[in-house]
Amino acid sequence: MNATTDPRTRKLGFSSPASDVRLDKYLTQVLPQFSRARLQRLIEHGYVLVNGQRTKASQRLTRSDSITVELPPSPGRPLPEPIPLAVIYEDQDVMVIDKPAGLTVHPAPGHPNHTLVNAILAHCPGLTMSNDVMRPGIVHRLDKDTSGLIVIAKNDSAREYLAAQFKSRTVTKRYLVLVKGRLSPEQGIIEAPIGRNPNRRRTMAVVQLGKQAVTEYQVREYLDDYTLLEVSPVTGRTHQIRIHLSAIGCPVVGDLTYGVRSAHLHRQFVHAYRLGFRLASTKQYQEFTSPLPADLKQALEYLASCD
């Protein structure tokens, strides 16, 4: 193993006596300070090259392969920031927050601060999580430009209890989504696997070898050549709603990545308006709702006036 003069970059020459070894498994052996999941994310985002080319974690290596691993600077622990929060429910275990569009949920490369996590730490100074210091309290996520309801765990036991509900798919998640086109039939299920887009690695796409993804929808209203939907993602893949609706020919309005531009919106029309789960404190099921934000409401009013 040889290292360059850049302390963030390590050039590795594969020399294991074993043959047919997965790339991610090999990297866990030579870089034991990193978890396999962290190394898989580095591979997925292009920080690992094999013979100068981007690849997959599952690639099988040979003794002649040259591996380059670039280790991006690790961000420091998130700090509390006095960002206003719309807390619609709170007890000793959880908070339900009405997240505004434009607020990133947790720190990541390119977004080291000014996130929901920073705001949560200011709101709950004693919040700690034993297994994830970079995403304390985060059980599920909303895209930066998606508004609406998100539940935050305030301790490890609450996080485990909520995570089990998400895993068993017993959490109610409903979104209001505006798409281009008149979607028919009025009720349906979209089933299409989602994975990393092979042509645009920073985005996702429907791909044959992707992970199972299922989205249910119900038409709320037709507005000229647009459709307002109530959408329920059964699975929770990255960008699932936006990708699935685009794949069936009804792209999300205002979505610059997978959808169509809008002269009346500066972000995607996706709002997490209903969230239901069992409270960690009482084990009782409870639902919460969030009204449409002003920008989305105005867009609907404009379309209604043109209908």
C-alpha atoms as a PDB file:
ATOM      1  CA  MET A   1       0.000   0.000   0.000  1.00  0.00           C
ATOM      2  CA  ASN A   2       1.433   3.352  -1.062  1.00  0.00           C
ATOM      3  CA  ALA A   3       0.227   6.812  -0.074  1.00  0.00           C
ATOM      4  CA  THR A   4       0.457  10.064  -2.012  1.00  0.00           C
ATOM      5  CA  THR A   5       1.620  13.342  -0.484  1.00  0.00           C
ATOM      6  CA  ASP A   6      -2.004  14.456  -0.151  1.00  0.00           C
ATOM      7  CA  PRO A   7      -2.964  13.252   3.343  1.00  0.00           C
ATOM      8  CA  ARG A   8      -6.557  12.762   2.239  1.00  0.00           C
ATOM      9  CA  THR A   9      -5.679  10.373  -0.605  1.00  0.00           C
ATOM     10  CA  ARG A  10      -4.311   6.854  -0.396  1.00  0.00           C
ATOM     11  CA  LYS A  11      -3.287   4.827  -3.432  1.00  0.00           C
ATOM     12  CA  LEU A  12      -3.618   1.141  -2.800  1.00  0.00           C
ATOM     13  CA  GLY A  13      -2.085  -1.676  -4.821  1.00  0.00           C
ATOM     14  CA  PHE A  14      -4.048  -4.888  -4.405  1.00  0.00           C
ATOM     15  CA  SER A  15      -1.659  -7.637  -3.279  1.00  0.00           C
ATOM     16  CA  SER A  16      -3.819 -10.084  -1.369  1.00  0.00           C
ATOM     17  CA  PRO A  17      -2.953 -13.725  -1.968  1.00  0.00           C
ATOM     18  CA  ALA A  18      -6.687 -14.434  -2.171  1.00  0.00           C
ATOM     19  CA  SER A  19      -8.486 -14.198  -5.492  1.00  0.00           C
ATOM     20  CA  ASP A  20     -11.976 -13.015  -6.415  1.00  0.00           C
ATOM     21  CA  VAL A  21     -12.385 -10.699  -3.394  1.00  0.00           C
ATOM     22  CA  ARG A  22     -15.081  -8.009  -3.278  1.00  0.00           C
ATOM     23  CA  LEU A  23     -13.766  -4.446  -3.343  1.00  0.00           C
ATOM     24  CA  ASP A  24     -15.628  -3.307  -0.213  1.00  0.00           C
ATOM     25  CA  LYS A  25     -14.522  -6.384   1.740  1.00  0.00           C
ATOM     26  CA  TYR A  26     -10.895  -5.782   0.807  1.00  0.00           C
ATOM     27  CA  LEU A  27     -11.061  -2.134   1.814  1.00  0.00           C
ATOM     28  CA  THR A  28     -12.389  -3.053   5.270  1.00  0.00           C
ATOM     29  CA  GLN A  29      -9.221  -5.111   5.707  1.00  0.00           C
ATOM     30  CA  VAL A  30      -6.761  -2.405   4.678  1.00  0.00           C
ATOM     31  CA  LEU A  31      -8.735   0.503   6.164  1.00  0.00           C
ATOM     32  CA  PRO A  32     -10.114  -0.965   9.412  1.00  0.00           C
ATOM     33  CA  GLN A  33     -10.762   2.509  10.852  1.00  0.00           C
ATOM     34  CA  PHE A  34     -13.756   2.814   8.499  1.00  0.00           C
ATOM     35  CA  SER A  35     -16.944   0.796   8.621  1.00  0.00           C
ATOM     36  CA  ARG A  36     -17.959  -1.242   5.605  1.00  0.00           C
ATOM     37  CA  ALA A  37     -21.008   0.987   5.170  1.00  0.00           C
ATOM     38  CA  ARG A  38     -18.805   4.109   5.098  1.00  0.00           C
ATOM     39  CA  LEU A  39     -16.525   2.538   2.507  1.00  0.00           C
ATOM     40  CA  GLN A  40     -19.512   1.502   0.397  1.00  0.00           C
ATOM     41  CA  ARG A  41     -20.711   5.118   0.416  1.00  0.00           C
ATOM     42  CA  LEU A  42     -17.259   6.292  -0.691  1.00  0.00           C
ATOM     43  CA  ILE A  43     -17.356   3.794  -3.554  1.00  0.00           C
ATOM     44  CA  GLU A  44     -20.888   4.818  -4.499  1.00  0.00           C
ATOM     45  CA  HIS A  45     -19.977   8.512  -4.630  1.00  0.00           C
ATOM     46  CA  GLY A  46     -16.854   7.996  -6.727  1.00  0.00           C
ATOM     47  CA  TYR A  47     -14.142   8.381  -4.093  1.00  0.00           C
ATOM     48  CA  VAL A  48     -12.802   4.904  -4.919  1.00  0.00           C
ATOM     49  CA  LEU A  49     -11.380   4.116  -8.344  1.00  0.00           C
ATOM     50  CA  VAL A  50     -10.203   0.750  -9.667  1.00  0.00           C
ATOM     51  CA  ASN A  51      -7.694   1.120 -12.488  1.00  0.00           C
ATOM     52  CA  GLY A  52      -8.740   4.765 -12.733  1.00  0.00           C
ATOM     53  CA  GLN A  53     -12.446   3.973 -13.201  1.00  0.00           C
ATOM     54  CA  ARG A  54     -15.496   4.328 -10.967  1.00  0.00           C
ATOM     55  CA  THR A  55     -16.933   1.002  -9.922  1.00  0.00           C
ATOM     56  CA  LYS A  56     -19.245  -0.834  -7.547  1.00  0.00           C
ATOM     57  CA  ALA A  57     -18.685  -2.184  -4.041  1.00  0.00           C
ATOM     58  CA  SER A  58     -19.353  -5.694  -5.369  1.00  0.00           C
ATOM     59  CA  GLN A  59     -16.567  -5.610  -7.985  1.00  0.00           C
ATOM     60  CA  ARG A  60     -14.292  -8.646  -7.754  1.00  0.00           C
ATOM     61  CA  LEU A  61     -10.631  -7.753  -7.630  1.00  0.00           C
ATOM     62  CA  THR A  62      -7.529  -9.365  -9.116  1.00  0.00           C
ATOM     63  CA  ARG A  63      -3.923  -9.078  -7.978  1.00  0.00           C
ATOM     64  CA  SER A  64      -3.102  -6.636 -10.790  1.00  0.00           C
ATOM     65  CA  ASP A  65      -5.783  -4.092  -9.896  1.00  0.00           C
ATOM     66  CA  SER A  66      -4.723  -0.585  -8.850  1.00  0.00           C
ATOM     67  CA  ILE A  67      -7.042   0.994  -6.293  1.00  0.00           C
ATOM     68  CA  THR A  68      -7.218   4.682  -5.434  1.00  0.00           C
ATOM     69  CA  VAL A  69      -9.118   5.737  -2.349  1.00  0.00           C
ATOM     70  CA  GLU A  70      -9.716   9.432  -1.715  1.00  0.00           C
ATOM     71  CA  LEU A  71     -10.766  10.139   1.844  1.00  0.00           C
ATOM     72  CA  PRO A  72     -12.739  13.402   1.989  1.00  0.00           C
ATOM     73  CA  PRO A  73     -12.234  15.492   5.117  1.00  0.00           C
ATOM     74  CA  SER A  74     -14.444  14.281   7.936  1.00  0.00           C
ATOM     75  CA  PRO A  75     -16.773  16.995   9.193  1.00  0.00           C
ATOM     76  CA  GLY A  76     -16.690  17.842  12.858  1.00  0.00           C
ATOM     77  CA  ARG A  77     -19.569  17.048  15.145  1.00  0.00           C
ATOM     78  CA  PRO A  78     -22.606  19.196  14.397  1.00  0.00           C
ATOM     79  CA  LEU A  79     -23.017  22.200  16.674  1.00  0.00           C
ATOM     80  CA  PRO A  80     -26.240  23.720  18.009  1.00  0.00           C
ATOM     81  CA  GLU A  81     -27.617  26.579  15.923  1.00  0.00           C
ATOM     82  CA  PRO A  82     -30.592  28.777  16.875  1.00  0.00           C
ATOM     83  CA  ILE A  83     -32.647  27.922  13.790  1.00  0.00           C
ATOM     84  CA  PRO A  84     -36.406  28.343  14.357  1.00  0.00           C
ATOM     85  CA  LEU A  85     -38.369  25.096  14.482  1.00  0.00           C
ATOM     86  CA  ALA A  86     -42.085  24.487  14.021  1.00  0.00           C
ATOM     87  CA  VAL A  87     -42.579  21.805  16.688  1.00  0.00           C
ATOM     88  CA  ILE A  88     -46.137  20.476  16.500  1.00  0.00           C
ATOM     89  CA  TYR A  89     -45.717  17.738  19.114  1.00  0.00           C
ATOM     90  CA  GLU A  90     -43.129  16.963  21.775  1.00  0.00           C
ATOM     91  CA  ASP A  91     -42.777  14.651  24.751  1.00  0.00           C
ATOM     92  CA  GLN A  92     -39.840  13.142  26.613  1.00  0.00           C
ATOM     93  CA  ASP A  93     -39.079  10.744  23.749  1.00  0.00           C
ATOM     94  CA  VAL A  94     -39.946  12.333  20.407  1.00  0.00           C
ATOM     95  CA  MET A  95     -40.571  15.562  18.536  1.00  0.00           C
ATOM     96  CA  VAL A  96     -42.693  15.995  15.422  1.00  0.00           C
ATOM     97  CA  ILE A  97     -41.438  18.914  13.353  1.00  0.00           C
ATOM     98  CA  ASP A  98     -42.987  20.662  10.382  1.00  0.00           C
ATOM     99  CA  LYS A  99     -39.846  21.090   8.270  1.00  0.00           C
ATOM    100  CA  PRO A 100     -39.727  23.988   5.816  1.00  0.00           C
ATOM    101  CA  ALA A 101     -38.503  23.522   2.257  1.00  0.00           C
ATOM    102  CA  GLY A 102     -34.847  24.470   1.831  1.00  0.00           C
ATOM    103  CA  LEU A 103     -33.674  22.972   5.130  1.00  0.00           C
ATOM    104  CA  THR A 104     -31.331  19.980   4.824  1.00  0.00           C
ATOM    105  CA  VAL A 105     -32.037  17.302   7.419  1.00  0.00           C
ATOM    106  CA  HIS A 106     -28.497  16.414   8.527  1.00  0.00           C
ATOM    107  CA  PRO A 107     -24.889  17.466   7.828  1.00  0.00           C
ATOM    108  CA  ALA A 108     -23.244  15.955   4.762  1.00  0.00           C
ATOM    109  CA  PRO A 109     -20.495  16.916   2.319  1.00  0.00           C
ATOM    110  CA  GLY A 110     -21.540  20.287   0.935  1.00  0.00           C
ATOM    111  CA  HIS A 111     -23.916  20.918   3.851  1.00  0.00           C
ATOM    112  CA  PRO A 112     -21.778  20.873   7.021  1.00  0.00           C
ATOM    113  CA  ASN A 113     -24.104  23.105   9.045  1.00  0.00           C
ATOM    114  CA  HIS A 114     -27.390  25.074   9.001  1.00  0.00           C
ATOM    115  CA  THR A 115     -29.317  21.777   9.026  1.00  0.00           C
ATOM    116  CA  LEU A 116     -32.263  20.403  10.947  1.00  0.00           C
ATOM    117  CA  VAL A 117     -29.821  18.515  13.172  1.00  0.00           C
ATOM    118  CA  ASN A 118     -28.122  21.773  14.157  1.00  0.00           C
ATOM    119  CA  ALA A 119     -31.522  23.221  15.021  1.00  0.00           C
ATOM    120  CA  ILE A 120     -32.510  20.135  17.029  1.00  0.00           C
ATOM    121  CA  LEU A 121     -29.314  20.286  19.089  1.00  0.00           C
ATOM    122  CA  ALA A 122     -30.120  23.882  20.020  1.00  0.00           C
ATOM    123  CA  HIS A 123     -33.692  22.941  20.931  1.00  0.00           C
ATOM    124  CA  CYS A 124     -32.620  19.858  22.942  1.00  0.00           C
ATOM    125  CA  PRO A 125     -29.169  20.613  24.432  1.00  0.00           C
ATOM    126  CA  GLY A 126     -28.971  17.224  26.126  1.00  0.00           C
ATOM    127  CA  LEU A 127     -29.735  15.187  23.012  1.00  0.00           C
ATOM    128  CA  THR A 128     -27.186  12.431  22.455  1.00  0.00           C
ATOM    129  CA  MET A 129     -27.132   9.307  20.364  1.00  0.00           C
ATOM    130  CA  SER A 130     -24.678   6.537  21.089  1.00  0.00           C
ATOM    131  CA  ASN A 131     -24.510   5.159  17.550  1.00  0.00           C
ATOM    132  CA  ASP A 132     -24.566   8.217  15.261  1.00  0.00           C
ATOM    133  CA  VAL A 133     -23.043  11.502  16.396  1.00  0.00           C
ATOM    134  CA  MET A 134     -23.537  13.107  12.962  1.00  0.00           C
ATOM    135  CA  ARG A 135     -27.291  12.423  12.752  1.00  0.00           C
ATOM    136  CA  PRO A 136     -28.596  12.485  16.326  1.00  0.00           C
ATOM    137  CA  GLY A 137     -32.313  11.881  16.510  1.00  0.00           C
ATOM    138  CA  ILE A 138     -32.780  11.213  12.794  1.00  0.00           C
ATOM    139  CA  VAL A 139     -34.944   8.174  12.075  1.00  0.00           C
ATOM    140  CA  HIS A 140     -36.100   9.034   8.552  1.00  0.00           C
ATOM    141  CA  ARG A 141     -35.424  11.854   6.104  1.00  0.00           C
ATOM    142  CA  LEU A 142     -37.090  14.341   3.837  1.00  0.00           C
ATOM    143  CA  ASP A 143     -35.384  15.847   0.799  1.00  0.00           C
ATOM    144  CA  LYS A 144     -34.031  19.357   1.306  1.00  0.00           C
ATOM    145  CA  ASP A 145     -36.751  20.920  -0.859  1.00  0.00           C
ATOM    146  CA  THR A 146     -39.569  18.759   0.496  1.00  0.00           C
ATOM    147  CA  SER A 147     -41.619  20.362   3.239  1.00  0.00           C
ATOM    148  CA  GLY A 148     -43.656  18.693   5.945  1.00  0.00           C
ATOM    149  CA  LEU A 149     -43.635  16.339   8.889  1.00  0.00           C
ATOM    150  CA  ILE A 150     -40.633  14.515  10.285  1.00  0.00           C
ATOM    151  CA  VAL A 151     -40.321  12.717  13.624  1.00  0.00           C
ATOM    152  CA  ILE A 152     -37.186  13.077  15.747  1.00  0.00           C
ATOM    153  CA  ALA A 153     -36.098  10.661  18.497  1.00  0.00           C
ATOM    154  CA  LYS A 154     -34.752  12.246  21.680  1.00  0.00           C
ATOM    155  CA  ASN A 155     -33.033   9.149  23.084  1.00  0.00           C
ATOM    156  CA  ASP A 156     -31.683   5.783  21.936  1.00  0.00           C
ATOM    157  CA  SER A 157     -34.664   3.708  23.064  1.00  0.00           C
ATOM    158  CA  ALA A 158     -37.111   5.979  21.224  1.00  0.00           C
ATOM    159  CA  ARG A 159     -34.973   5.835  18.113  1.00  0.00           C
ATOM    160  CA  GLU A 160     -34.935   2.037  18.174  1.00  0.00           C
ATOM    161  CA  TYR A 161     -38.695   1.918  18.728  1.00  0.00           C
ATOM    162  CA  LEU A 162     -39.386   4.262  15.823  1.00  0.00           C
ATOM    163  CA  ALA A 163     -36.845   2.571  13.549  1.00  0.00           C
ATOM    164  CA  ALA A 164     -38.585  -0.769  14.116  1.00  0.00           C
ATOM    165  CA  GLN A 165     -41.887   0.761  12.989  1.00  0.00           C
ATOM    166  CA  PHE A 166     -40.326   2.161   9.820  1.00  0.00           C
ATOM    167  CA  LYS A 167     -38.688  -1.199   9.123  1.00  0.00           C
ATOM    168  CA  SER A 168     -41.972  -3.079   9.562  1.00  0.00           C
ATOM    169  CA  ARG A 169     -43.746  -0.465   7.380  1.00  0.00           C
ATOM    170  CA  THR A 170     -46.354   0.355  10.009  1.00  0.00           C
ATOM    171  CA  VAL A 171     -45.717   4.104   9.844  1.00  0.00           C
ATOM    172  CA  THR A 172     -48.302   6.161   7.936  1.00  0.00           C
ATOM    173  CA  LYS A 173     -46.639   8.526   5.440  1.00  0.00           C
ATOM    174  CA  ARG A 174     -48.764  10.633   3.109  1.00  0.00           C
ATOM    175  CA  TYR A 175     -47.559  13.281   0.696  1.00  0.00           C
ATOM    176  CA  LEU A 176     -49.358  15.835  -1.442  1.00  0.00           C
ATOM    177  CA  VAL A 177     -47.664  15.966  -4.837  1.00  0.00           C
ATOM    178  CA  LEU A 178     -48.425  17.964  -7.984  1.00  0.00           C
ATOM    179  CA  VAL A 179     -47.435  16.359 -11.269  1.00  0.00           C
ATOM    180  CA  LYS A 180     -47.536  17.400 -14.894  1.00  0.00           C
ATOM    181  CA  GLY A 181     -50.150  15.495 -16.888  1.00  0.00           C
ATOM    182  CA  ARG A 182     -53.516  13.914 -16.114  1.00  0.00           C
ATOM    183  CA  LEU A 183     -52.617  10.700 -14.313  1.00  0.00           C
ATOM    184  CA  SER A 184     -54.877   7.725 -15.013  1.00  0.00           C
ATOM    185  CA  PRO A 185     -56.110   5.489 -13.483  1.00  0.00           C
ATOM    186  CA  GLU A 186     -57.082   7.608 -10.505  1.00  0.00           C
ATOM    187  CA  GLN A 187     -55.677   5.086  -8.045  1.00  0.00           C
ATOM    188  CA  GLY A 188     -52.684   2.838  -8.508  1.00  0.00           C
ATOM    189  CA  ILE A 189     -49.441   1.276  -7.357  1.00  0.00           C
ATOM    190  CA  ILE A 190     -46.060   1.916  -8.956  1.00  0.00           C
ATOM    191  CA  GLU A 191     -43.549  -0.917  -8.568  1.00  0.00           C
ATOM    192  CA  ALA A 192     -40.113  -0.322 -10.075  1.00  0.00           C
ATOM    193  CA  PRO A 193     -36.635  -0.990  -8.610  1.00  0.00           C
ATOM    194  CA  ILE A 194     -34.507   2.064  -7.790  1.00  0.00           C
ATOM    195  CA  GLY A 195     -30.731   2.333  -7.763  1.00  0.00           C
ATOM    196  CA  ARG A 196     -27.875   4.658  -8.592  1.00  0.00           C
ATOM    197  CA  ASN A 197     -28.199   6.190 -12.064  1.00  0.00           C
ATOM    198  CA  PRO A 198     -25.336   4.700 -14.122  1.00  0.00           C
ATOM    199  CA  ASN A 199     -25.199   7.799 -16.325  1.00  0.00           C
ATOM    200  CA  ARG A 200     -25.528  10.455 -13.591  1.00  0.00           C
ATOM    201  CA  ARG A 201     -24.001   9.033 -10.439  1.00  0.00           C
ATOM    202  CA  ARG A 202     -25.283  11.826  -8.210  1.00  0.00           C
ATOM    203  CA  THR A 203     -28.878  10.877  -8.995  1.00  0.00           C
ATOM    204  CA  MET A 204     -31.056   7.785  -8.690  1.00  0.00           C
ATOM    205  CA  ALA A 205     -33.131   6.051 -11.355  1.00  0.00           C
ATOM    206  CA  VAL A 206     -35.321   3.054 -12.121  1.00  0.00           C
ATOM    207  CA  VAL A 207     -32.735   0.355 -12.863  1.00  0.00           C
ATOM    208  CA  GLN A 208     -33.138  -3.364 -13.391  1.00  0.00           C
ATOM    209  CA  LEU A 209     -30.834  -4.365 -10.536  1.00  0.00           C
ATOM    210  CA  GLY A 210     -32.016  -1.672  -8.118  1.00  0.00           C
ATOM    211  CA  LYS A 211     -33.717  -2.191  -4.767  1.00  0.00           C
ATOM    212  CA  GLN A 212     -37.412  -2.965  -4.581  1.00  0.00           C
ATOM    213  CA  ALA A 213     -39.516   0.210  -4.469  1.00  0.00           C
ATOM    214  CA  VAL A 214     -43.292   0.525  -4.184  1.00  0.00           C
ATOM    215  CA  THR A 215     -45.378   3.718  -4.273  1.00  0.00           C
ATOM    216  CA  GLU A 216     -49.157   4.003  -3.909  1.00  0.00           C
ATOM    217  CA  TYR A 217     -51.079   7.013  -5.192  1.00  0.00           C
ATOM    218  CA  GLN A 218     -54.593   8.439  -5.271  1.00  0.00           C
ATOM    219  CA  VAL A 219     -55.744  11.348  -7.455  1.00  0.00           C
ATOM    220  CA  ARG A 220     -57.003  14.274  -5.382  1.00  0.00           C
ATOM    221  CA  GLU A 221     -57.822  16.705  -8.183  1.00  0.00           C
ATOM    222  CA  TYR A 222     -57.261  17.427 -11.859  1.00  0.00           C
ATOM    223  CA  LEU A 223     -56.186  20.987 -12.675  1.00  0.00           C
ATOM    224  CA  ASP A 224     -56.025  21.499 -16.441  1.00  0.00           C
ATOM    225  CA  ASP A 225     -52.999  19.437 -17.528  1.00  0.00           C
ATOM    226  CA  TYR A 226     -51.846  18.802 -13.961  1.00  0.00           C
ATOM    227  CA  THR A 227     -52.820  16.300 -11.259  1.00  0.00           C
ATOM    228  CA  LEU A 228     -52.752  16.761  -7.504  1.00  0.00           C
ATOM    229  CA  LEU A 229     -51.982  13.427  -5.858  1.00  0.00           C
ATOM    230  CA  GLU A 230     -51.945  11.886  -2.428  1.00  0.00           C
ATOM    231  CA  VAL A 231     -48.912   9.614  -2.441  1.00  0.00           C
ATOM    232  CA  SER A 232     -47.825   6.945   0.018  1.00  0.00           C
ATOM    233  CA  PRO A 233     -44.360   5.413  -0.374  1.00  0.00           C
ATOM    234  CA  VAL A 234     -44.516   1.812   0.866  1.00  0.00           C
ATOM    235  CA  THR A 235     -40.733   1.544   0.732  1.00  0.00           C
ATOM    236  CA  GLY A 236     -38.332   4.356   1.497  1.00  0.00           C
ATOM    237  CA  ARG A 237     -35.803   4.646  -1.319  1.00  0.00           C
ATOM    238  CA  THR A 238     -33.921   7.867  -1.986  1.00  0.00           C
ATOM    239  CA  HIS A 239     -36.031  10.262  -4.129  1.00  0.00           C
ATOM    240  CA  GLN A 240     -38.564   7.437  -4.583  1.00  0.00           C
ATOM    241  CA  ILE A 241     -41.709   9.503  -5.153  1.00  0.00           C
ATOM    242  CA  ARG A 242     -40.075  11.820  -7.663  1.00  0.00           C
ATOM    243  CA  ILE A 243     -38.416   8.983  -9.590  1.00  0.00           C
ATOM    244  CA  HIS A 244     -41.494   6.768  -9.747  1.00  0.00           C
ATOM    245  CA  LEU A 245     -43.825   9.518 -10.934  1.00  0.00           C
ATOM    246  CA  SER A 246     -41.323  10.601 -13.572  1.00  0.00           C
ATOM    247  CA  ALA A 247     -40.981   6.990 -14.722  1.00  0.00           C
ATOM    248  CA  ILE A 248     -44.716   6.743 -15.483  1.00  0.00           C
ATOM    249  CA  GLY A 249     -44.724   9.980 -17.447  1.00  0.00           C
ATOM    250  CA  CYS A 250     -46.084  12.342 -14.778  1.00  0.00           C
ATOM    251  CA  PRO A 251     -43.044  14.273 -13.471  1.00  0.00           C
ATOM    252  CA  VAL A 252     -43.247  16.333 -10.285  1.00  0.00           C
ATOM    253  CA  VAL A 253     -43.782  20.052 -10.850  1.00  0.00           C
ATOM    254  CA  GLY A 254     -40.856  22.216  -9.791  1.00  0.00           C
ATOM    255  CA  ASP A 255     -38.439  19.274  -9.521  1.00  0.00           C
ATOM    256  CA  LEU A 256     -35.287  20.282 -11.387  1.00  0.00           C
ATOM    257  CA  THR A 257     -33.681  16.831 -11.131  1.00  0.00           C
ATOM    258  CA  TYR A 258     -36.394  14.382 -12.174  1.00  0.00           C
ATOM    259  CA  GLY A 259     -39.408  16.566 -12.942  1.00  0.00           C
ATOM    260  CA  VAL A 260     -40.386  19.703 -14.825  1.00  0.00           C
ATOM    261  CA  ARG A 261     -39.660  23.368 -14.211  1.00  0.00           C
ATOM    262  CA  SER A 262     -42.397  25.705 -13.085  1.00  0.00           C
ATOM    263  CA  ALA A 263     -42.704  29.446 -13.528  1.00  0.00           C
ATOM    264  CA  HIS A 264     -44.735  29.545 -10.311  1.00  0.00           C
ATOM    265  CA  LEU A 265     -42.615  27.404  -7.992  1.00  0.00           C
ATOM    266  CA  HIS A 266     -38.986  27.586  -6.923  1.00  0.00           C
ATOM    267  CA  ARG A 267     -38.934  24.073  -5.510  1.00  0.00           C
ATOM    268  CA  GLN A 268     -40.574  20.681  -5.985  1.00  0.00           C
ATOM    269  CA  PHE A 269     -44.255  20.335  -5.142  1.00  0.00           C
ATOM    270  CA  VAL A 270     -43.868  17.582  -2.533  1.00  0.00           C
ATOM    271  CA  HIS A 271     -45.300  18.058   0.958  1.00  0.00           C
ATOM    272  CA  ALA A 272     -45.317  15.451   3.731  1.00  0.00           C
ATOM    273  CA  TYR A 273     -48.737  16.350   5.097  1.00  0.00           C
ATOM    274  CA  ARG A 274     -49.613  13.298   7.234  1.00  0.00           C
ATOM    275  CA  LEU A 275     -47.450  11.187   9.563  1.00  0.00           C
ATOM    276  CA  GLY A 276     -48.666   8.481  11.928  1.00  0.00           C
ATOM    277  CA  PHE A 277     -46.833   6.132  14.289  1.00  0.00           C
ATOM    278  CA  ARG A 278     -46.917   4.646  17.780  1.00  0.00           C
ATOM    279  CA  LEU A 279     -45.509   6.925  20.459  1.00  0.00           C
ATOM    280  CA  ALA A 280     -42.544   5.525  22.351  1.00  0.00           C
ATOM    281  CA  SER A 281     -43.954   6.759  25.654  1.00  0.00           C
ATOM    282  CA  THR A 282     -47.487   5.311  25.502  1.00  0.00           C
ATOM    283  CA  LYS A 283     -47.243   2.811  22.619  1.00  0.00           C
ATOM    284  CA  GLN A 284     -50.442   4.381  21.313  1.00  0.00           C
ATOM    285  CA  TYR A 285     -50.856   5.182  17.616  1.00  0.00           C
ATOM    286  CA  GLN A 286     -51.134   8.894  16.809  1.00  0.00           C
ATOM    287  CA  GLU A 287     -51.350  10.854  13.552  1.00  0.00           C
ATOM    288  CA  PHE A 288     -50.223  14.382  12.808  1.00  0.00           C
ATOM    289  CA  THR A 289     -51.038  16.633   9.850  1.00  0.00           C
ATOM    290  CA  SER A 290     -49.488  19.700   8.265  1.00  0.00           C
ATOM    291  CA  PRO A 291     -51.293  22.230   6.036  1.00  0.00           C
ATOM    292  CA  LEU A 292     -49.930  23.119   2.609  1.00  0.00           C
ATOM    293  CA  PRO A 293     -47.262  25.846   2.815  1.00  0.00           C
ATOM    294  CA  ALA A 294     -48.099  29.186   1.218  1.00  0.00           C
ATOM    295  CA  ASP A 295     -45.975  28.676  -1.914  1.00  0.00           C
ATOM    296  CA  LEU A 296     -47.647  25.368  -2.784  1.00  0.00           C
ATOM    297  CA  LYS A 297     -51.106  26.699  -1.971  1.00  0.00           C
ATOM    298  CA  GLN A 298     -50.547  29.695  -4.254  1.00  0.00           C
ATOM    299  CA  ALA A 299     -49.427  27.421  -7.093  1.00  0.00           C
ATOM    300  CA  LEU A 300     -52.667  25.439  -6.816  1.00  0.00           C
ATOM    301  CA  GLU A 301     -54.739  28.594  -6.713  1.00  0.00           C
ATOM    302  CA  TYR A 302     -53.056  29.842  -9.876  1.00  0.00           C
ATOM    303  CA  LEU A 303     -53.752  26.581 -11.714  1.00  0.00           C
ATOM    304  CA  ALA A 304     -57.359  26.579 -10.499  1.00  0.00           C
ATOM    305  CA  SER A 305     -57.847  30.067 -11.885  1.00  0.00           C
ATOM    306  CA  CYS A 306     -56.579  28.908 -15.296  1.00  0.00           C
ATOM    307  CA  ASP A 307     -58.680  25.734 -15.357  1.00  0.00           C
END
